[in-house]
């Protein structure tokens, strides 16, 4: 279903407009402007939490050029960029952890997700969120989260750094889906022997900003000797069908893309736990295992997926981006696939 065509890398510690390029965790394609909005998960440590606009030259032969064209900080409701973490301040200053981004062509705006923060010493808590932003990063509003995604100092709700990792808008522009990276405390362990574990994908109504449904997504067990697997992003093919990235990082990246369907999945929006009763999860089939794709080297921590332009031969392009964690031992790469 998916064919690898090629990749292009960005040098470690590359700079653009006074910022360090790295931590690229999600991307979304703007067909009208022929560019990509790419979010960095820099929690205002190196530069304020931000996104980039990037132009990619893609063809049946791969990616021939990557050009960063602009960067914008995400702004808070008062119109200011987010400052770095100051956990000991009163009250604590807690920046977002940007992980997902989706462009809305009809409304000409962006949606972005943050994983929030959960530190039980203190405690320091920031709920995950999904917000709307103008194309210059200005705050335009926030979606309402279901209660089962609220942070807690107790062993309930989402785990730290395992929350809203993926974000996608349906082609009709009516629904936004946000995927949890891993199960919350109420929903089971991060790994369960050789069995799949269940995480949550939440559906929001874009017009009202309210959550309207939620589904259990069955995630593969981590390949040995990796400790954990995780959903890193998803892209909607329709209002019920998605491409979903599952990836584990250690000791070498394992990256698989699945075609997932809501089908007869149980709506678990009102369920505080996925262990309370029988749950029918979404169904899925493997679209491609990038870890076993000939000629794909290197392969790093792939965290973002979007549908790009149609290729000259008529196939649909699928573009991925990797998060180098601002580490010289990892790679920032854009990868091109054809569907």
C-alpha atoms as a PDB file:
ATOM      1  CA  UNK A   1       0.000   0.000   0.000  1.00  0.00           C
ATOM      2  CA  UNK A   2       2.868   2.391   0.795  1.00  0.00           C
ATOM      3  CA  UNK A   3       6.100   2.543  -1.187  1.00  0.00           C
ATOM      4  CA  UNK A   4       9.242   4.277   0.038  1.00  0.00           C
ATOM      5  CA  UNK A   5      10.657   6.791  -2.469  1.00  0.00           C
ATOM      6  CA  UNK A   6      13.440   8.599  -0.632  1.00  0.00           C
ATOM      7  CA  UNK A   7      14.453  11.029   2.100  1.00  0.00           C
ATOM      8  CA  UNK A   8      16.267  14.275   2.782  1.00  0.00           C
ATOM      9  CA  UNK A   9      18.082  15.130   6.004  1.00  0.00           C
ATOM     10  CA  UNK A  10      18.582  18.398   7.863  1.00  0.00           C
ATOM     11  CA  UNK A  11      22.039  18.813   9.439  1.00  0.00           C
ATOM     12  CA  UNK A  12      22.265  18.596  13.220  1.00  0.00           C
ATOM     13  CA  UNK A  13      22.100  21.975  14.984  1.00  0.00           C
ATOM     14  CA  UNK A  14      21.018  23.745  11.779  1.00  0.00           C
ATOM     15  CA  UNK A  15      19.696  27.250  12.441  1.00  0.00           C
ATOM     16  CA  UNK A  16      16.862  29.220  10.914  1.00  0.00           C
ATOM     17  CA  UNK A  17      15.855  32.774  11.804  1.00  0.00           C
ATOM     18  CA  UNK A  18      17.636  32.607  15.149  1.00  0.00           C
ATOM     19  CA  UNK A  19      16.176  29.227  16.141  1.00  0.00           C
ATOM     20  CA  UNK A  20      17.658  25.748  16.416  1.00  0.00           C
ATOM     21  CA  UNK A  21      15.990  23.284  14.036  1.00  0.00           C
ATOM     22  CA  UNK A  22      15.213  20.064  15.857  1.00  0.00           C
ATOM     23  CA  UNK A  23      12.567  18.109  17.706  1.00  0.00           C
ATOM     24  CA  UNK A  24      10.359  18.043  14.602  1.00  0.00           C
ATOM     25  CA  UNK A  25       7.372  16.039  15.772  1.00  0.00           C
ATOM     26  CA  UNK A  26       4.502  16.574  13.312  1.00  0.00           C
ATOM     27  CA  UNK A  27       3.687  18.190   9.979  1.00  0.00           C
ATOM     28  CA  UNK A  28       0.629  19.150   7.950  1.00  0.00           C
ATOM     29  CA  UNK A  29       0.393  20.084   4.272  1.00  0.00           C
ATOM     30  CA  UNK A  30      -1.086  23.327   2.927  1.00  0.00           C
ATOM     31  CA  UNK A  31      -1.915  22.573  -0.713  1.00  0.00           C
ATOM     32  CA  UNK A  32      -2.852  26.175  -1.506  1.00  0.00           C
ATOM     33  CA  UNK A  33       0.538  27.524  -0.470  1.00  0.00           C
ATOM     34  CA  UNK A  34       2.396  24.309  -1.322  1.00  0.00           C
ATOM     35  CA  UNK A  35       4.147  24.197   2.030  1.00  0.00           C
ATOM     36  CA  UNK A  36       4.194  22.220   5.255  1.00  0.00           C
ATOM     37  CA  UNK A  37       3.583  23.411   8.796  1.00  0.00           C
ATOM     38  CA  UNK A  38       6.094  21.538  10.984  1.00  0.00           C
ATOM     39  CA  UNK A  39       5.948  21.638  14.768  1.00  0.00           C
ATOM     40  CA  UNK A  40       8.978  21.435  17.073  1.00  0.00           C
ATOM     41  CA  UNK A  41       8.580  19.825  20.495  1.00  0.00           C
ATOM     42  CA  UNK A  42      11.099  22.249  22.008  1.00  0.00           C
ATOM     43  CA  UNK A  43       9.477  23.154  25.327  1.00  0.00           C
ATOM     44  CA  UNK A  44      10.864  26.703  25.103  1.00  0.00           C
ATOM     45  CA  UNK A  45      14.269  25.407  26.243  1.00  0.00           C
ATOM     46  CA  UNK A  46      16.299  26.465  23.220  1.00  0.00           C
ATOM     47  CA  UNK A  47      13.779  28.851  21.692  1.00  0.00           C
ATOM     48  CA  UNK A  48      10.100  29.556  22.428  1.00  0.00           C
ATOM     49  CA  UNK A  49       7.664  26.735  21.534  1.00  0.00           C
ATOM     50  CA  UNK A  50       7.159  27.125  17.777  1.00  0.00           C
ATOM     51  CA  UNK A  51       6.405  25.793  14.328  1.00  0.00           C
ATOM     52  CA  UNK A  52       8.061  26.210  10.944  1.00  0.00           C
ATOM     53  CA  UNK A  53       6.879  26.496   7.377  1.00  0.00           C
ATOM     54  CA  UNK A  54       8.847  24.254   5.035  1.00  0.00           C
ATOM     55  CA  UNK A  55       8.855  23.733   1.287  1.00  0.00           C
ATOM     56  CA  UNK A  56       9.719  20.275  -0.047  1.00  0.00           C
ATOM     57  CA  UNK A  57      10.460  19.430  -3.666  1.00  0.00           C
ATOM     58  CA  UNK A  58       8.957  15.959  -4.159  1.00  0.00           C
ATOM     59  CA  UNK A  59       8.753  13.715  -7.203  1.00  0.00           C
ATOM     60  CA  UNK A  60       8.493  10.048  -8.110  1.00  0.00           C
ATOM     61  CA  UNK A  61      12.228   9.902  -7.422  1.00  0.00           C
ATOM     62  CA  UNK A  62      12.110  11.249  -3.871  1.00  0.00           C
ATOM     63  CA  UNK A  63      12.788  14.591  -2.186  1.00  0.00           C
ATOM     64  CA  UNK A  64      15.255  16.849  -3.960  1.00  0.00           C
ATOM     65  CA  UNK A  65      15.163  19.905  -1.693  1.00  0.00           C
ATOM     66  CA  UNK A  66      14.123  21.038   1.794  1.00  0.00           C
ATOM     67  CA  UNK A  67      13.744  24.780   2.411  1.00  0.00           C
ATOM     68  CA  UNK A  68      12.690  26.350   5.716  1.00  0.00           C
ATOM     69  CA  UNK A  69      10.789  29.543   4.863  1.00  0.00           C
ATOM     70  CA  UNK A  70       9.445  30.926   8.181  1.00  0.00           C
ATOM     71  CA  UNK A  71       9.093  30.232  11.887  1.00  0.00           C
ATOM     72  CA  UNK A  72       6.493  31.435  14.376  1.00  0.00           C
ATOM     73  CA  UNK A  73       6.208  30.979  18.137  1.00  0.00           C
ATOM     74  CA  UNK A  74       2.914  29.723  19.453  1.00  0.00           C
ATOM     75  CA  UNK A  75       1.354  32.503  21.497  1.00  0.00           C
ATOM     76  CA  UNK A  76      -0.604  32.224  24.736  1.00  0.00           C
ATOM     77  CA  UNK A  77      -4.032  33.870  25.188  1.00  0.00           C
ATOM     78  CA  UNK A  78      -2.340  37.117  26.210  1.00  0.00           C
ATOM     79  CA  UNK A  79      -0.384  37.196  22.933  1.00  0.00           C
ATOM     80  CA  UNK A  80       3.032  36.261  24.351  1.00  0.00           C
ATOM     81  CA  UNK A  81       5.387  33.376  23.483  1.00  0.00           C
ATOM     82  CA  UNK A  82       5.709  30.646  26.095  1.00  0.00           C
ATOM     83  CA  UNK A  83       8.618  31.082  28.549  1.00  0.00           C
ATOM     84  CA  UNK A  84      10.811  28.152  29.627  1.00  0.00           C
ATOM     85  CA  UNK A  85       9.974  25.893  32.540  1.00  0.00           C
ATOM     86  CA  UNK A  86      10.262  27.422  36.004  1.00  0.00           C
ATOM     87  CA  UNK A  87       8.877  24.647  38.199  1.00  0.00           C
ATOM     88  CA  UNK A  88       9.968  26.303  41.445  1.00  0.00           C
ATOM     89  CA  UNK A  89       8.265  29.607  40.704  1.00  0.00           C
ATOM     90  CA  UNK A  90       5.041  30.601  42.458  1.00  0.00           C
ATOM     91  CA  UNK A  91       2.910  29.723  40.632  1.00  0.00           C
ATOM     92  CA  UNK A  92       4.997  27.321  38.528  1.00  0.00           C
ATOM     93  CA  UNK A  93       5.667  28.379  34.928  1.00  0.00           C
ATOM     94  CA  UNK A  94       4.989  25.340  32.735  1.00  0.00           C
ATOM     95  CA  UNK A  95       5.410  25.598  28.944  1.00  0.00           C
ATOM     96  CA  UNK A  96       3.553  23.302  26.540  1.00  0.00           C
ATOM     97  CA  UNK A  97       5.038  20.213  24.922  1.00  0.00           C
ATOM     98  CA  UNK A  98       3.940  20.624  21.262  1.00  0.00           C
ATOM     99  CA  UNK A  99       3.506  17.299  19.486  1.00  0.00           C
ATOM    100  CA  UNK A 100       0.730  17.459  16.882  1.00  0.00           C
ATOM    101  CA  UNK A 101      -0.307  19.948  14.189  1.00  0.00           C
ATOM    102  CA  UNK A 102      -3.103  20.056  11.602  1.00  0.00           C
ATOM    103  CA  UNK A 103      -3.852  22.708   8.975  1.00  0.00           C
ATOM    104  CA  UNK A 104      -7.477  23.657   8.325  1.00  0.00           C
ATOM    105  CA  UNK A 105      -7.750  24.920   4.716  1.00  0.00           C
ATOM    106  CA  UNK A 106     -11.382  25.952   5.065  1.00  0.00           C
ATOM    107  CA  UNK A 107     -10.856  28.136   8.124  1.00  0.00           C
ATOM    108  CA  UNK A 108      -7.227  29.022   7.330  1.00  0.00           C
ATOM    109  CA  UNK A 109      -5.944  28.156  10.773  1.00  0.00           C
ATOM    110  CA  UNK A 110      -3.883  25.561  12.595  1.00  0.00           C
ATOM    111  CA  UNK A 111      -4.714  23.130  15.371  1.00  0.00           C
ATOM    112  CA  UNK A 112      -1.940  21.944  17.661  1.00  0.00           C
ATOM    113  CA  UNK A 113      -1.657  19.605  20.609  1.00  0.00           C
ATOM    114  CA  UNK A 114       0.459  19.672  23.749  1.00  0.00           C
ATOM    115  CA  UNK A 115       1.270  16.739  26.012  1.00  0.00           C
ATOM    116  CA  UNK A 116       1.109  18.937  29.105  1.00  0.00           C
ATOM    117  CA  UNK A 117       3.122  18.091  32.203  1.00  0.00           C
ATOM    118  CA  UNK A 118       2.817  15.738  35.134  1.00  0.00           C
ATOM    119  CA  UNK A 119       5.322  15.978  37.961  1.00  0.00           C
ATOM    120  CA  UNK A 120       4.032  14.568  41.216  1.00  0.00           C
ATOM    121  CA  UNK A 121       6.661  16.313  43.349  1.00  0.00           C
ATOM    122  CA  UNK A 122       5.117  19.671  44.016  1.00  0.00           C
ATOM    123  CA  UNK A 123       2.971  18.797  42.144  1.00  0.00           C
ATOM    124  CA  UNK A 124       3.474  20.484  38.774  1.00  0.00           C
ATOM    125  CA  UNK A 125       0.550  19.730  36.497  1.00  0.00           C
ATOM    126  CA  UNK A 126      -0.505  21.034  33.097  1.00  0.00           C
ATOM    127  CA  UNK A 127      -3.339  19.316  31.289  1.00  0.00           C
ATOM    128  CA  UNK A 128      -2.771  18.269  27.699  1.00  0.00           C
ATOM    129  CA  UNK A 129      -4.579  20.479  25.234  1.00  0.00           C
ATOM    130  CA  UNK A 130      -5.696  20.986  21.669  1.00  0.00           C
ATOM    131  CA  UNK A 131      -5.657  24.643  20.638  1.00  0.00           C
ATOM    132  CA  UNK A 132      -6.421  26.638  17.530  1.00  0.00           C
ATOM    133  CA  UNK A 133      -3.840  29.112  16.228  1.00  0.00           C
ATOM    134  CA  UNK A 134      -3.649  31.646  13.440  1.00  0.00           C
ATOM    135  CA  UNK A 135      -1.050  31.045  10.740  1.00  0.00           C
ATOM    136  CA  UNK A 136       1.270  33.416  12.632  1.00  0.00           C
ATOM    137  CA  UNK A 137       0.866  31.430  15.876  1.00  0.00           C
ATOM    138  CA  UNK A 138      -1.672  33.716  17.586  1.00  0.00           C
ATOM    139  CA  UNK A 139      -4.070  32.057  20.027  1.00  0.00           C
ATOM    140  CA  UNK A 140      -7.562  31.455  18.613  1.00  0.00           C
ATOM    141  CA  UNK A 141      -9.123  29.178  21.208  1.00  0.00           C
ATOM    142  CA  UNK A 142      -8.999  25.806  22.903  1.00  0.00           C
ATOM    143  CA  UNK A 143     -10.948  22.561  22.573  1.00  0.00           C
ATOM    144  CA  UNK A 144     -12.672  20.982  25.579  1.00  0.00           C
ATOM    145  CA  UNK A 145     -10.966  17.786  26.754  1.00  0.00           C
ATOM    146  CA  UNK A 146     -12.880  14.801  28.161  1.00  0.00           C
ATOM    147  CA  UNK A 147     -12.338  14.143  31.862  1.00  0.00           C
ATOM    148  CA  UNK A 148     -10.364  10.949  31.169  1.00  0.00           C
ATOM    149  CA  UNK A 149      -7.521  13.032  29.644  1.00  0.00           C
ATOM    150  CA  UNK A 150      -7.014  15.319  32.666  1.00  0.00           C
ATOM    151  CA  UNK A 151      -3.679  15.202  34.501  1.00  0.00           C
ATOM    152  CA  UNK A 152      -3.538  14.121  38.129  1.00  0.00           C
ATOM    153  CA  UNK A 153      -0.916  13.874  40.841  1.00  0.00           C
ATOM    154  CA  UNK A 154      -2.373  10.422  41.602  1.00  0.00           C
ATOM    155  CA  UNK A 155      -1.870   7.312  39.496  1.00  0.00           C
ATOM    156  CA  UNK A 156      -4.870   8.084  37.341  1.00  0.00           C
ATOM    157  CA  UNK A 157      -5.345   9.763  33.986  1.00  0.00           C
ATOM    158  CA  UNK A 158      -2.520  10.194  31.450  1.00  0.00           C
ATOM    159  CA  UNK A 159       1.066   9.257  32.130  1.00  0.00           C
ATOM    160  CA  UNK A 160       3.786  11.887  31.801  1.00  0.00           C
ATOM    161  CA  UNK A 161       4.950  12.458  28.229  1.00  0.00           C
ATOM    162  CA  UNK A 162       2.477   9.843  26.931  1.00  0.00           C
ATOM    163  CA  UNK A 163      -0.521  11.999  26.055  1.00  0.00           C
ATOM    164  CA  UNK A 164      -1.737  13.848  22.923  1.00  0.00           C
ATOM    165  CA  UNK A 165       0.929  12.946  20.407  1.00  0.00           C
ATOM    166  CA  UNK A 166      -0.962  12.872  17.094  1.00  0.00           C
ATOM    167  CA  UNK A 167      -3.489  15.232  15.506  1.00  0.00           C
ATOM    168  CA  UNK A 168      -5.393  15.188  12.209  1.00  0.00           C
ATOM    169  CA  UNK A 169      -8.306  16.976  10.547  1.00  0.00           C
ATOM    170  CA  UNK A 170     -10.762  14.954   8.465  1.00  0.00           C
ATOM    171  CA  UNK A 171     -10.958  15.843   4.754  1.00  0.00           C
ATOM    172  CA  UNK A 172     -14.415  17.404   5.205  1.00  0.00           C
ATOM    173  CA  UNK A 173     -13.006  19.768   7.857  1.00  0.00           C
ATOM    174  CA  UNK A 174     -15.701  18.868  10.385  1.00  0.00           C
ATOM    175  CA  UNK A 175     -13.813  16.616  12.805  1.00  0.00           C
ATOM    176  CA  UNK A 176     -10.435  16.668  14.503  1.00  0.00           C
ATOM    177  CA  UNK A 177      -8.891  13.481  15.907  1.00  0.00           C
ATOM    178  CA  UNK A 178      -6.237  13.463  18.644  1.00  0.00           C
ATOM    179  CA  UNK A 179      -4.306  10.292  19.513  1.00  0.00           C
ATOM    180  CA  UNK A 180      -2.795   9.396  22.864  1.00  0.00           C
ATOM    181  CA  UNK A 181       0.752   8.080  22.561  1.00  0.00           C
ATOM    182  CA  UNK A 182       0.243   5.337  25.153  1.00  0.00           C
ATOM    183  CA  UNK A 183      -2.365   4.069  27.622  1.00  0.00           C
ATOM    184  CA  UNK A 184      -3.255   6.170  30.637  1.00  0.00           C
ATOM    185  CA  UNK A 185      -2.980   4.690  34.122  1.00  0.00           C
ATOM    186  CA  UNK A 186      -6.675   3.736  34.092  1.00  0.00           C
ATOM    187  CA  UNK A 187      -6.380   1.928  30.768  1.00  0.00           C
ATOM    188  CA  UNK A 188      -3.672  -0.602  31.523  1.00  0.00           C
ATOM    189  CA  UNK A 189       0.112  -1.047  31.452  1.00  0.00           C
ATOM    190  CA  UNK A 190       2.465   0.317  28.804  1.00  0.00           C
ATOM    191  CA  UNK A 191       3.241  -3.273  27.851  1.00  0.00           C
ATOM    192  CA  UNK A 192       1.378  -6.489  28.484  1.00  0.00           C
ATOM    193  CA  UNK A 193       3.709  -9.321  27.613  1.00  0.00           C
ATOM    194  CA  UNK A 194       3.214 -10.065  23.941  1.00  0.00           C
ATOM    195  CA  UNK A 195      -0.321  -8.685  23.819  1.00  0.00           C
ATOM    196  CA  UNK A 196      -1.502  -5.402  22.268  1.00  0.00           C
ATOM    197  CA  UNK A 197      -2.331  -2.562  24.652  1.00  0.00           C
ATOM    198  CA  UNK A 198      -5.109  -0.026  24.189  1.00  0.00           C
ATOM    199  CA  UNK A 199      -4.672   3.711  23.876  1.00  0.00           C
ATOM    200  CA  UNK A 200      -7.309   6.345  23.038  1.00  0.00           C
ATOM    201  CA  UNK A 201      -8.142   8.385  19.956  1.00  0.00           C
ATOM    202  CA  UNK A 202     -10.549  11.274  20.622  1.00  0.00           C
ATOM    203  CA  UNK A 203     -12.868  12.858  18.079  1.00  0.00           C
ATOM    204  CA  UNK A 204     -13.695  16.568  18.368  1.00  0.00           C
ATOM    205  CA  UNK A 205     -16.309  18.628  16.593  1.00  0.00           C
ATOM    206  CA  UNK A 206     -14.360  21.513  15.051  1.00  0.00           C
ATOM    207  CA  UNK A 207     -17.287  23.941  15.020  1.00  0.00           C
ATOM    208  CA  UNK A 208     -18.059  23.631  18.742  1.00  0.00           C
ATOM    209  CA  UNK A 209     -14.671  22.509  20.068  1.00  0.00           C
ATOM    210  CA  UNK A 210     -16.350  19.696  22.019  1.00  0.00           C
ATOM    211  CA  UNK A 211     -15.287  16.040  22.170  1.00  0.00           C
ATOM    212  CA  UNK A 212     -17.936  13.892  20.492  1.00  0.00           C
ATOM    213  CA  UNK A 213     -16.501  10.366  20.585  1.00  0.00           C
ATOM    214  CA  UNK A 214     -13.468   8.369  21.644  1.00  0.00           C
ATOM    215  CA  UNK A 215     -12.148   5.012  20.494  1.00  0.00           C
ATOM    216  CA  UNK A 216      -9.670   2.426  21.749  1.00  0.00           C
ATOM    217  CA  UNK A 217      -6.749   1.860  19.412  1.00  0.00           C
ATOM    218  CA  UNK A 218      -4.899  -1.490  19.707  1.00  0.00           C
ATOM    219  CA  UNK A 219      -1.164  -0.925  19.734  1.00  0.00           C
ATOM    220  CA  UNK A 220       1.374  -3.639  19.006  1.00  0.00           C
ATOM    221  CA  UNK A 221       3.647  -4.849  21.808  1.00  0.00           C
ATOM    222  CA  UNK A 222       7.131  -3.323  21.635  1.00  0.00           C
ATOM    223  CA  UNK A 223       9.619  -5.401  19.637  1.00  0.00           C
ATOM    224  CA  UNK A 224      12.259  -6.890  21.968  1.00  0.00           C
ATOM    225  CA  UNK A 225      14.336  -5.522  23.545  1.00  0.00           C
ATOM    226  CA  UNK A 226      12.447  -2.184  23.349  1.00  0.00           C
ATOM    227  CA  UNK A 227      10.574  -1.263  26.516  1.00  0.00           C
ATOM    228  CA  UNK A 228       7.608   0.542  25.003  1.00  0.00           C
ATOM    229  CA  UNK A 229       5.813   1.204  21.740  1.00  0.00           C
ATOM    230  CA  UNK A 230       3.810   4.354  21.023  1.00  0.00           C
ATOM    231  CA  UNK A 231       1.477   6.083  18.582  1.00  0.00           C
ATOM    232  CA  UNK A 232       3.397   9.096  17.295  1.00  0.00           C
ATOM    233  CA  UNK A 233       0.954  10.569  14.746  1.00  0.00           C
ATOM    234  CA  UNK A 234      -1.971   9.858  12.442  1.00  0.00           C
ATOM    235  CA  UNK A 235      -3.503  11.309   9.278  1.00  0.00           C
ATOM    236  CA  UNK A 236      -7.131  11.001   8.223  1.00  0.00           C
ATOM    237  CA  UNK A 237      -7.929   9.426   4.863  1.00  0.00           C
ATOM    238  CA  UNK A 238     -11.671   9.874   5.509  1.00  0.00           C
ATOM    239  CA  UNK A 239     -13.831  10.591   8.543  1.00  0.00           C
ATOM    240  CA  UNK A 240     -13.385   6.966   9.698  1.00  0.00           C
ATOM    241  CA  UNK A 241     -10.068   5.775   8.168  1.00  0.00           C
ATOM    242  CA  UNK A 242      -6.524   6.757   9.110  1.00  0.00           C
ATOM    243  CA  UNK A 243      -2.867   6.038   8.633  1.00  0.00           C
ATOM    244  CA  UNK A 244      -1.336   5.617  12.106  1.00  0.00           C
ATOM    245  CA  UNK A 245       2.373   5.579  13.006  1.00  0.00           C
ATOM    246  CA  UNK A 246       3.525   3.239  15.745  1.00  0.00           C
ATOM    247  CA  UNK A 247       7.153   3.539  16.730  1.00  0.00           C
ATOM    248  CA  UNK A 248       9.583   2.359  19.370  1.00  0.00           C
ATOM    249  CA  UNK A 249      12.991   3.923  19.742  1.00  0.00           C
ATOM    250  CA  UNK A 250      15.416   1.577  21.453  1.00  0.00           C
ATOM    251  CA  UNK A 251      17.866   0.121  20.720  1.00  0.00           C
ATOM    252  CA  UNK A 252      17.096   0.924  17.064  1.00  0.00           C
ATOM    253  CA  UNK A 253      13.916   2.549  15.755  1.00  0.00           C
ATOM    254  CA  UNK A 254      11.044   0.281  14.755  1.00  0.00           C
ATOM    255  CA  UNK A 255       8.503   2.276  12.727  1.00  0.00           C
ATOM    256  CA  UNK A 256       5.305   0.794  11.317  1.00  0.00           C
ATOM    257  CA  UNK A 257       2.380   2.506   9.609  1.00  0.00           C
ATOM    258  CA  UNK A 258      -1.075   0.958   9.910  1.00  0.00           C
ATOM    259  CA  UNK A 259      -4.311   1.643   8.080  1.00  0.00           C
ATOM    260  CA  UNK A 260      -6.883   1.905  10.880  1.00  0.00           C
ATOM    261  CA  UNK A 261     -10.683   1.959  10.703  1.00  0.00           C
ATOM    262  CA  UNK A 262     -13.215   3.011  13.320  1.00  0.00           C
ATOM    263  CA  UNK A 263     -15.705   0.447  12.023  1.00  0.00           C
ATOM    264  CA  UNK A 264     -17.653  -1.084  14.918  1.00  0.00           C
ATOM    265  CA  UNK A 265     -15.343   0.302  17.620  1.00  0.00           C
ATOM    266  CA  UNK A 266     -16.917   1.101  20.986  1.00  0.00           C
ATOM    267  CA  UNK A 267     -17.343   4.776  21.867  1.00  0.00           C
ATOM    268  CA  UNK A 268     -15.417   5.045  25.183  1.00  0.00           C
ATOM    269  CA  UNK A 269     -15.732   8.812  25.641  1.00  0.00           C
ATOM    270  CA  UNK A 270     -17.608   8.426  28.923  1.00  0.00           C
ATOM    271  CA  UNK A 271     -15.444   5.545  30.187  1.00  0.00           C
ATOM    272  CA  UNK A 272     -12.836   6.437  32.829  1.00  0.00           C
ATOM    273  CA  UNK A 273     -11.151   3.063  32.234  1.00  0.00           C
ATOM    274  CA  UNK A 274     -10.825   0.719  29.275  1.00  0.00           C
ATOM    275  CA  UNK A 275     -10.724  -2.170  31.754  1.00  0.00           C
ATOM    276  CA  UNK A 276     -14.261  -1.674  33.075  1.00  0.00           C
ATOM    277  CA  UNK A 277     -15.884  -3.970  30.545  1.00  0.00           C
ATOM    278  CA  UNK A 278     -15.699  -5.411  27.051  1.00  0.00           C
ATOM    279  CA  UNK A 279     -14.388  -2.889  24.525  1.00  0.00           C
ATOM    280  CA  UNK A 280     -14.313  -3.327  20.754  1.00  0.00           C
ATOM    281  CA  UNK A 281     -11.217  -1.467  19.508  1.00  0.00           C
ATOM    282  CA  UNK A 282     -10.574   0.006  16.095  1.00  0.00           C
ATOM    283  CA  UNK A 283      -9.408  -2.433  13.433  1.00  0.00           C
ATOM    284  CA  UNK A 284      -6.115  -2.090  11.598  1.00  0.00           C
ATOM    285  CA  UNK A 285      -3.900  -3.641   8.934  1.00  0.00           C
ATOM    286  CA  UNK A 286      -0.193  -3.112   8.343  1.00  0.00           C
ATOM    287  CA  UNK A 287       0.486  -0.682   5.487  1.00  0.00           C
ATOM    288  CA  UNK A 288       4.293  -0.679   5.684  1.00  0.00           C
ATOM    289  CA  UNK A 289       7.066  -1.643   8.097  1.00  0.00           C
ATOM    290  CA  UNK A 290       9.691   1.021   7.527  1.00  0.00           C
ATOM    291  CA  UNK A 291      12.126  -0.921   9.711  1.00  0.00           C
ATOM    292  CA  UNK A 292      12.129  -3.695   7.099  1.00  0.00           C
ATOM    293  CA  UNK A 293      12.035  -1.517   3.971  1.00  0.00           C
ATOM    294  CA  UNK A 294      14.984  -2.101   1.614  1.00  0.00           C
ATOM    295  CA  UNK A 295      17.026   0.999   0.895  1.00  0.00           C
ATOM    296  CA  UNK A 296      15.606   3.016   3.804  1.00  0.00           C
ATOM    297  CA  UNK A 297      18.663   4.015   5.783  1.00  0.00           C
ATOM    298  CA  UNK A 298      19.017   5.666   8.154  1.00  0.00           C
ATOM    299  CA  UNK A 299      15.654   5.380   9.881  1.00  0.00           C
ATOM    300  CA  UNK A 300      15.194   7.449  13.005  1.00  0.00           C
ATOM    301  CA  UNK A 301      12.462   8.526  15.415  1.00  0.00           C
ATOM    302  CA  UNK A 302       9.618   9.128  12.929  1.00  0.00           C
ATOM    303  CA  UNK A 303       6.933  11.194  14.648  1.00  0.00           C
ATOM    304  CA  UNK A 304       4.940  13.030  11.958  1.00  0.00           C
ATOM    305  CA  UNK A 305       2.805  12.054   8.956  1.00  0.00           C
ATOM    306  CA  UNK A 306       0.746  14.010   6.428  1.00  0.00           C
ATOM    307  CA  UNK A 307      -0.670  13.628   2.930  1.00  0.00           C
ATOM    308  CA  UNK A 308       1.349  15.756   0.513  1.00  0.00           C
ATOM    309  CA  UNK A 309       0.628  16.608  -3.129  1.00  0.00           C
ATOM    310  CA  UNK A 310      -0.209  14.126  -5.846  1.00  0.00           C
ATOM    311  CA  UNK A 311       2.944  12.830  -7.505  1.00  0.00           C
ATOM    312  CA  UNK A 312       3.530  13.210 -11.257  1.00  0.00           C
ATOM    313  CA  UNK A 313       2.524   9.556 -11.791  1.00  0.00           C
ATOM    314  CA  UNK A 314      -0.806  10.148 -10.030  1.00  0.00           C
ATOM    315  CA  UNK A 315      -0.048   8.435  -6.744  1.00  0.00           C
ATOM    316  CA  UNK A 316      -0.752  10.181  -3.437  1.00  0.00           C
ATOM    317  CA  UNK A 317       2.389  11.302  -1.617  1.00  0.00           C
ATOM    318  CA  UNK A 318       2.751  10.630   2.103  1.00  0.00           C
ATOM    319  CA  UNK A 319       5.383  12.703   3.900  1.00  0.00           C
ATOM    320  CA  UNK A 320       6.986  11.829   7.241  1.00  0.00           C
ATOM    321  CA  UNK A 321       9.304  13.725   9.578  1.00  0.00           C
ATOM    322  CA  UNK A 322      11.582  12.503  12.384  1.00  0.00           C
ATOM    323  CA  UNK A 323      12.337  14.015  15.778  1.00  0.00           C
ATOM    324  CA  UNK A 324      16.077  14.063  16.534  1.00  0.00           C
ATOM    325  CA  UNK A 325      15.483  14.991  20.197  1.00  0.00           C
ATOM    326  CA  UNK A 326      18.135  17.706  19.665  1.00  0.00           C
ATOM    327  CA  UNK A 327      20.733  14.934  19.870  1.00  0.00           C
ATOM    328  CA  UNK A 328      23.841  14.693  17.630  1.00  0.00           C
ATOM    329  CA  UNK A 329      23.400  10.914  17.617  1.00  0.00           C
ATOM    330  CA  UNK A 330      19.995  11.200  15.908  1.00  0.00           C
ATOM    331  CA  UNK A 331      18.759  12.512  12.567  1.00  0.00           C
ATOM    332  CA  UNK A 332      16.193  15.051  11.391  1.00  0.00           C
ATOM    333  CA  UNK A 333      14.790  13.597   8.187  1.00  0.00           C
ATOM    334  CA  UNK A 334      11.868  14.094   5.832  1.00  0.00           C
ATOM    335  CA  UNK A 335      10.779  10.852   4.164  1.00  0.00           C
ATOM    336  CA  UNK A 336       8.599  10.441   1.072  1.00  0.00           C
ATOM    337  CA  UNK A 337       6.253   7.526   0.445  1.00  0.00           C
ATOM    338  CA  UNK A 338       3.683   6.905  -2.273  1.00  0.00           C
ATOM    339  CA  UNK A 339       0.231   5.499  -1.606  1.00  0.00           C
END
